[in-house]
């Protein structure tokens, strides 16, 4: 990611990217999204969120049924 994009980004973004607690997957995903068209990146992020929420619901449902 270019330094120009980081400078324009919110300070919280720099904290997230530099935190040792941030996973490589999240760091790489953020860096990749920052060089894309923001509308396309947001739509993809919303789709990913929906997929992950459904996976969580299915996992929780399975867990509740088994207990």
Protein backbone atom coordinates (compact mmCIF):
# COMPACT_ATOMS: atom_id res chain seq x y z
CA UNK A 1 0.00 0.00 0.00
CA UNK A 2 1.34 3.42 -0.87
CA UNK A 3 2.27 5.88 1.85
CA UNK A 4 -0.13 8.36 0.26
CA UNK A 5 -3.06 6.04 0.96
CA UNK A 6 -1.92 5.51 4.54
CA UNK A 7 -1.53 9.25 5.13
CA UNK A 8 -5.06 9.87 3.86
CA UNK A 9 -6.44 7.08 6.01
CA UNK A 10 -7.74 7.48 9.52
CA UNK A 11 -5.17 7.07 12.33
CA UNK A 12 -7.11 4.00 13.49
CA UNK A 13 -6.18 2.28 10.23
CA UNK A 14 -2.47 2.78 10.93
CA UNK A 15 -2.95 1.40 14.43
CA UNK A 16 -4.74 -1.68 13.07
CA UNK A 17 -2.12 -2.29 10.39
CA UNK A 18 0.78 -1.91 12.83
CA UNK A 19 -0.72 -3.89 15.70
CA UNK A 20 0.91 -7.24 16.43
CA UNK A 21 -2.59 -8.48 17.28
CA UNK A 22 -3.80 -7.94 13.72
CA UNK A 23 -3.84 -11.16 11.73
CA UNK A 24 -1.89 -11.38 8.50
CA UNK A 25 -5.15 -12.14 6.70
CA UNK A 26 -6.82 -8.94 7.95
CA UNK A 27 -3.73 -6.82 7.29
CA UNK A 28 -3.42 -8.15 3.73
CA UNK A 29 -7.14 -7.73 3.11
CA UNK A 30 -7.11 -4.10 4.28
CA UNK A 31 -4.03 -3.29 2.22
CA UNK A 32 -5.59 -4.91 -0.84
CA UNK A 33 -8.88 -3.05 -0.34
CA UNK A 34 -7.16 0.32 0.00
CA UNK A 35 -5.85 0.22 -3.57
CA UNK A 36 -9.18 -0.84 -5.08
CA UNK A 37 -12.16 1.21 -6.08
CA UNK A 38 -13.76 2.02 -2.70
CA UNK A 39 -17.30 1.18 -3.87
CA UNK A 40 -16.21 -2.23 -5.18
CA UNK A 41 -14.17 -2.93 -2.05
CA UNK A 42 -17.11 -2.03 0.19
CA UNK A 43 -19.53 -4.21 -1.76
CA UNK A 44 -17.12 -7.14 -1.54
CA UNK A 45 -16.65 -6.53 2.19
CA UNK A 46 -20.43 -6.50 2.70
CA UNK A 47 -20.73 -9.77 0.79
CA UNK A 48 -17.94 -11.30 2.87
CA UNK A 49 -19.66 -10.11 6.05
CA UNK A 50 -22.93 -11.76 5.00
CA UNK A 51 -21.14 -15.04 4.21
CA UNK A 52 -19.31 -15.04 7.54
CA UNK A 53 -22.46 -14.16 9.50
CA UNK A 54 -24.29 -17.07 7.87
CA UNK A 55 -21.40 -19.40 8.68
CA UNK A 56 -21.52 -18.26 12.30
CA UNK A 57 -25.29 -18.80 12.50
CA UNK A 58 -24.92 -22.30 11.06
CA UNK A 59 -22.09 -23.10 13.47
CA UNK A 60 -24.01 -21.78 16.46
CA UNK A 61 -27.14 -23.62 15.41
CA UNK A 62 -25.22 -26.88 15.06
CA UNK A 63 -23.58 -26.34 18.44
CA UNK A 64 -26.91 -25.66 20.16
CA UNK A 65 -28.50 -28.75 18.63
CA UNK A 66 -25.63 -30.98 19.78
CA UNK A 67 -25.67 -29.73 23.39
